[in-house]
Amino acid sequence: MAQHPTHDRLAIPMTQQRSQINHQPFLQYNRRGQRIRVEGKAYVRLGLFKRVECELRDISPGGARICVPEGIALPDQFVMTLPQFKYPRTCMKRWESGRDVGVEFRMD
């Protein structure tokens, strides 16, 4: 049986029911590394003197998902500090859904 081209691109098994498919398939299947679910804090620097505490939801070698406080809008690029890392990381905002934001760690 031939696979539907969309399913082939997204690497979703044909046997998987529609209700089981993540509503953001490109985010789930287009990763460089596997995300690990965590509970912790992340600190985002906004400007020179403002630091916002966020909830760290999951992390991978290339990025993370954080939950920002109500009313906070993140810029496209910002610096984030995580207790797991020795140094702050420059991050790019890749997606947002409600208060959840997906970030990519920059290597510069």
C-alpha atoms as a PDB file:
ATOM      1  CA  MET A   1       0.000   0.000   0.000  1.00  0.00           C
ATOM      2  CA  ALA A   2       1.462   3.357  -1.035  1.00  0.00           C
ATOM      3  CA  GLN A   3       1.768   6.021   1.610  1.00  0.00           C
ATOM      4  CA  HIS A   4       0.137   9.384   1.199  1.00  0.00           C
ATOM      5  CA  PRO A   5       2.896  11.916   0.326  1.00  0.00           C
ATOM      6  CA  THR A   6       2.038  14.198   3.256  1.00  0.00           C
ATOM      7  CA  HIS A   7       2.302  11.331   5.717  1.00  0.00           C
ATOM      8  CA  ASP A   8       5.606  10.273   4.179  1.00  0.00           C
ATOM      9  CA  ARG A   9       7.079  13.786   4.555  1.00  0.00           C
ATOM     10  CA  LEU A  10       5.962  14.052   8.165  1.00  0.00           C
ATOM     11  CA  ALA A  11       7.032  10.503   9.046  1.00  0.00           C
ATOM     12  CA  ILE A  12       3.584   9.732  10.494  1.00  0.00           C
ATOM     13  CA  PRO A  13       2.686   6.034  10.328  1.00  0.00           C
ATOM     14  CA  MET A  14      -0.412   5.392   8.219  1.00  0.00           C
ATOM     15  CA  THR A  15      -1.883   3.345  11.067  1.00  0.00           C
ATOM     16  CA  GLN A  16      -1.943   6.361  13.369  1.00  0.00           C
ATOM     17  CA  GLN A  17      -5.439   7.734  13.842  1.00  0.00           C
ATOM     18  CA  ARG A  18      -6.142  11.389  13.014  1.00  0.00           C
ATOM     19  CA  SER A  19      -7.052  12.124  16.653  1.00  0.00           C
ATOM     20  CA  GLN A  20      -3.602  10.960  17.762  1.00  0.00           C
ATOM     21  CA  ILE A  21      -1.710  13.287  15.433  1.00  0.00           C
ATOM     22  CA  ASN A  22      -0.186  16.339  17.095  1.00  0.00           C
ATOM     23  CA  HIS A  23      -1.844  19.554  15.908  1.00  0.00           C
ATOM     24  CA  GLN A  24       1.645  20.925  15.192  1.00  0.00           C
ATOM     25  CA  PRO A  25       3.221  18.022  13.253  1.00  0.00           C
ATOM     26  CA  PHE A  26       6.050  20.034  11.758  1.00  0.00           C
ATOM     27  CA  LEU A  27       7.200  20.984  15.252  1.00  0.00           C
ATOM     28  CA  GLN A  28       7.126  17.388  16.430  1.00  0.00           C
ATOM     29  CA  TYR A  29       8.725  15.721  13.412  1.00  0.00           C
ATOM     30  CA  ASN A  30      11.095  18.405  12.172  1.00  0.00           C
ATOM     31  CA  ARG A  31      13.493  18.353  15.145  1.00  0.00           C
ATOM     32  CA  ARG A  32      17.243  17.979  15.223  1.00  0.00           C
ATOM     33  CA  GLY A  33      17.114  16.241  18.587  1.00  0.00           C
ATOM     34  CA  GLN A  34      14.636  14.607  20.911  1.00  0.00           C
ATOM     35  CA  ARG A  35      13.004  16.855  23.485  1.00  0.00           C
ATOM     36  CA  ILE A  36      13.065  15.842  27.133  1.00  0.00           C
ATOM     37  CA  ARG A  37      10.165  16.904  29.354  1.00  0.00           C
ATOM     38  CA  VAL A  38      11.412  18.903  32.335  1.00  0.00           C
ATOM     39  CA  GLU A  39      10.053  21.134  35.076  1.00  0.00           C
ATOM     40  CA  GLY A  40      12.187  24.119  35.867  1.00  0.00           C
ATOM     41  CA  LYS A  41      12.801  27.809  35.428  1.00  0.00           C
ATOM     42  CA  ALA A  42      14.174  29.805  32.525  1.00  0.00           C
ATOM     43  CA  TYR A  43      15.064  33.479  32.704  1.00  0.00           C
ATOM     44  CA  VAL A  44      14.623  35.691  29.642  1.00  0.00           C
ATOM     45  CA  ARG A  45      16.400  39.031  29.399  1.00  0.00           C
ATOM     46  CA  LEU A  46      14.231  41.777  27.893  1.00  0.00           C
ATOM     47  CA  GLY A  47      16.272  44.924  27.441  1.00  0.00           C
ATOM     48  CA  LEU A  48      19.139  45.896  29.700  1.00  0.00           C
ATOM     49  CA  PHE A  49      17.445  45.700  33.082  1.00  0.00           C
ATOM     50  CA  LYS A  50      14.364  43.496  32.777  1.00  0.00           C
ATOM     51  CA  ARG A  51      14.516  39.764  33.441  1.00  0.00           C
ATOM     52  CA  VAL A  52      11.383  37.609  33.154  1.00  0.00           C
ATOM     53  CA  GLU A  53      11.007  34.235  34.865  1.00  0.00           C
ATOM     54  CA  CYS A  54       9.428  31.587  32.622  1.00  0.00           C
ATOM     55  CA  GLU A  55       8.575  27.916  33.062  1.00  0.00           C
ATOM     56  CA  LEU A  56      10.800  25.459  31.218  1.00  0.00           C
ATOM     57  CA  ARG A  57       8.573  22.709  29.733  1.00  0.00           C
ATOM     58  CA  ASP A  58      10.987  20.647  27.639  1.00  0.00           C
ATOM     59  CA  ILE A  59      14.494  20.883  26.229  1.00  0.00           C
ATOM     60  CA  SER A  60      16.633  19.385  23.468  1.00  0.00           C
ATOM     61  CA  PRO A  61      20.200  20.009  22.300  1.00  0.00           C
ATOM     62  CA  GLY A  62      18.910  22.569  19.796  1.00  0.00           C
ATOM     63  CA  GLY A  63      16.103  24.319  21.660  1.00  0.00           C
ATOM     64  CA  ALA A  64      13.393  24.365  24.287  1.00  0.00           C
ATOM     65  CA  ARG A  65       9.738  25.040  24.965  1.00  0.00           C
ATOM     66  CA  ILE A  66       8.997  27.651  27.611  1.00  0.00           C
ATOM     67  CA  CYS A  67       5.808  29.090  29.056  1.00  0.00           C
ATOM     68  CA  VAL A  68       5.899  32.871  29.434  1.00  0.00           C
ATOM     69  CA  PRO A  69       3.885  34.854  31.989  1.00  0.00           C
ATOM     70  CA  GLU A  70       0.551  36.308  30.888  1.00  0.00           C
ATOM     71  CA  GLY A  71       0.989  39.588  29.015  1.00  0.00           C
ATOM     72  CA  ILE A  72       4.654  39.089  28.110  1.00  0.00           C
ATOM     73  CA  ALA A  73       5.555  39.238  24.412  1.00  0.00           C
ATOM     74  CA  LEU A  74       8.983  37.915  23.484  1.00  0.00           C
ATOM     75  CA  PRO A  75      10.994  39.476  20.661  1.00  0.00           C
ATOM     76  CA  ASP A  76      12.197  37.305  17.768  1.00  0.00           C
ATOM     77  CA  GLN A  77      15.662  37.080  19.343  1.00  0.00           C
ATOM     78  CA  PHE A  78      16.570  37.250  23.033  1.00  0.00           C
ATOM     79  CA  VAL A  79      18.980  35.943  25.659  1.00  0.00           C
ATOM     80  CA  MET A  80      17.849  33.171  27.996  1.00  0.00           C
ATOM     81  CA  THR A  81      19.531  31.766  31.084  1.00  0.00           C
ATOM     82  CA  LEU A  82      18.878  28.200  32.192  1.00  0.00           C
ATOM     83  CA  PRO A  83      20.225  26.687  35.413  1.00  0.00           C
ATOM     84  CA  GLN A  84      21.399  23.682  33.333  1.00  0.00           C
ATOM     85  CA  PHE A  85      23.775  25.842  31.245  1.00  0.00           C
ATOM     86  CA  LYS A  86      26.914  27.565  32.428  1.00  0.00           C
ATOM     87  CA  TYR A  87      26.398  30.580  30.148  1.00  0.00           C
ATOM     88  CA  PRO A  88      23.329  32.462  28.860  1.00  0.00           C
ATOM     89  CA  ARG A  89      22.122  31.404  25.398  1.00  0.00           C
ATOM     90  CA  THR A  90      21.017  33.579  22.512  1.00  0.00           C
ATOM     91  CA  CYS A  91      17.650  32.227  21.352  1.00  0.00           C
ATOM     92  CA  MET A  92      15.415  32.635  18.316  1.00  0.00           C
ATOM     93  CA  LYS A  93      11.654  32.427  18.775  1.00  0.00           C
ATOM     94  CA  ARG A  94      10.441  29.764  16.317  1.00  0.00           C
ATOM     95  CA  TRP A  95       6.751  29.422  17.224  1.00  0.00           C
ATOM     96  CA  GLU A  96       4.221  30.397  19.861  1.00  0.00           C
ATOM     97  CA  SER A  97       0.875  28.981  20.876  1.00  0.00           C
ATOM     98  CA  GLY A  98      -0.859  30.836  23.677  1.00  0.00           C
ATOM     99  CA  ARG A  99       1.747  31.259  26.404  1.00  0.00           C
ATOM    100  CA  ASP A 100       3.983  28.423  25.107  1.00  0.00           C
ATOM    101  CA  VAL A 101       6.966  29.480  22.997  1.00  0.00           C
ATOM    102  CA  GLY A 102       9.386  27.272  21.083  1.00  0.00           C
ATOM    103  CA  VAL A 103      12.949  28.577  20.966  1.00  0.00           C
ATOM    104  CA  GLU A 104      16.040  27.567  19.039  1.00  0.00           C
ATOM    105  CA  PHE A 105      19.449  27.932  20.690  1.00  0.00           C
ATOM    106  CA  ARG A 106      21.830  29.961  18.524  1.00  0.00           C
ATOM    107  CA  MET A 107      25.415  28.783  18.284  1.00  0.00           C
ATOM    108  CA  ASP A 108      27.006  32.243  18.061  1.00  0.00           C
END
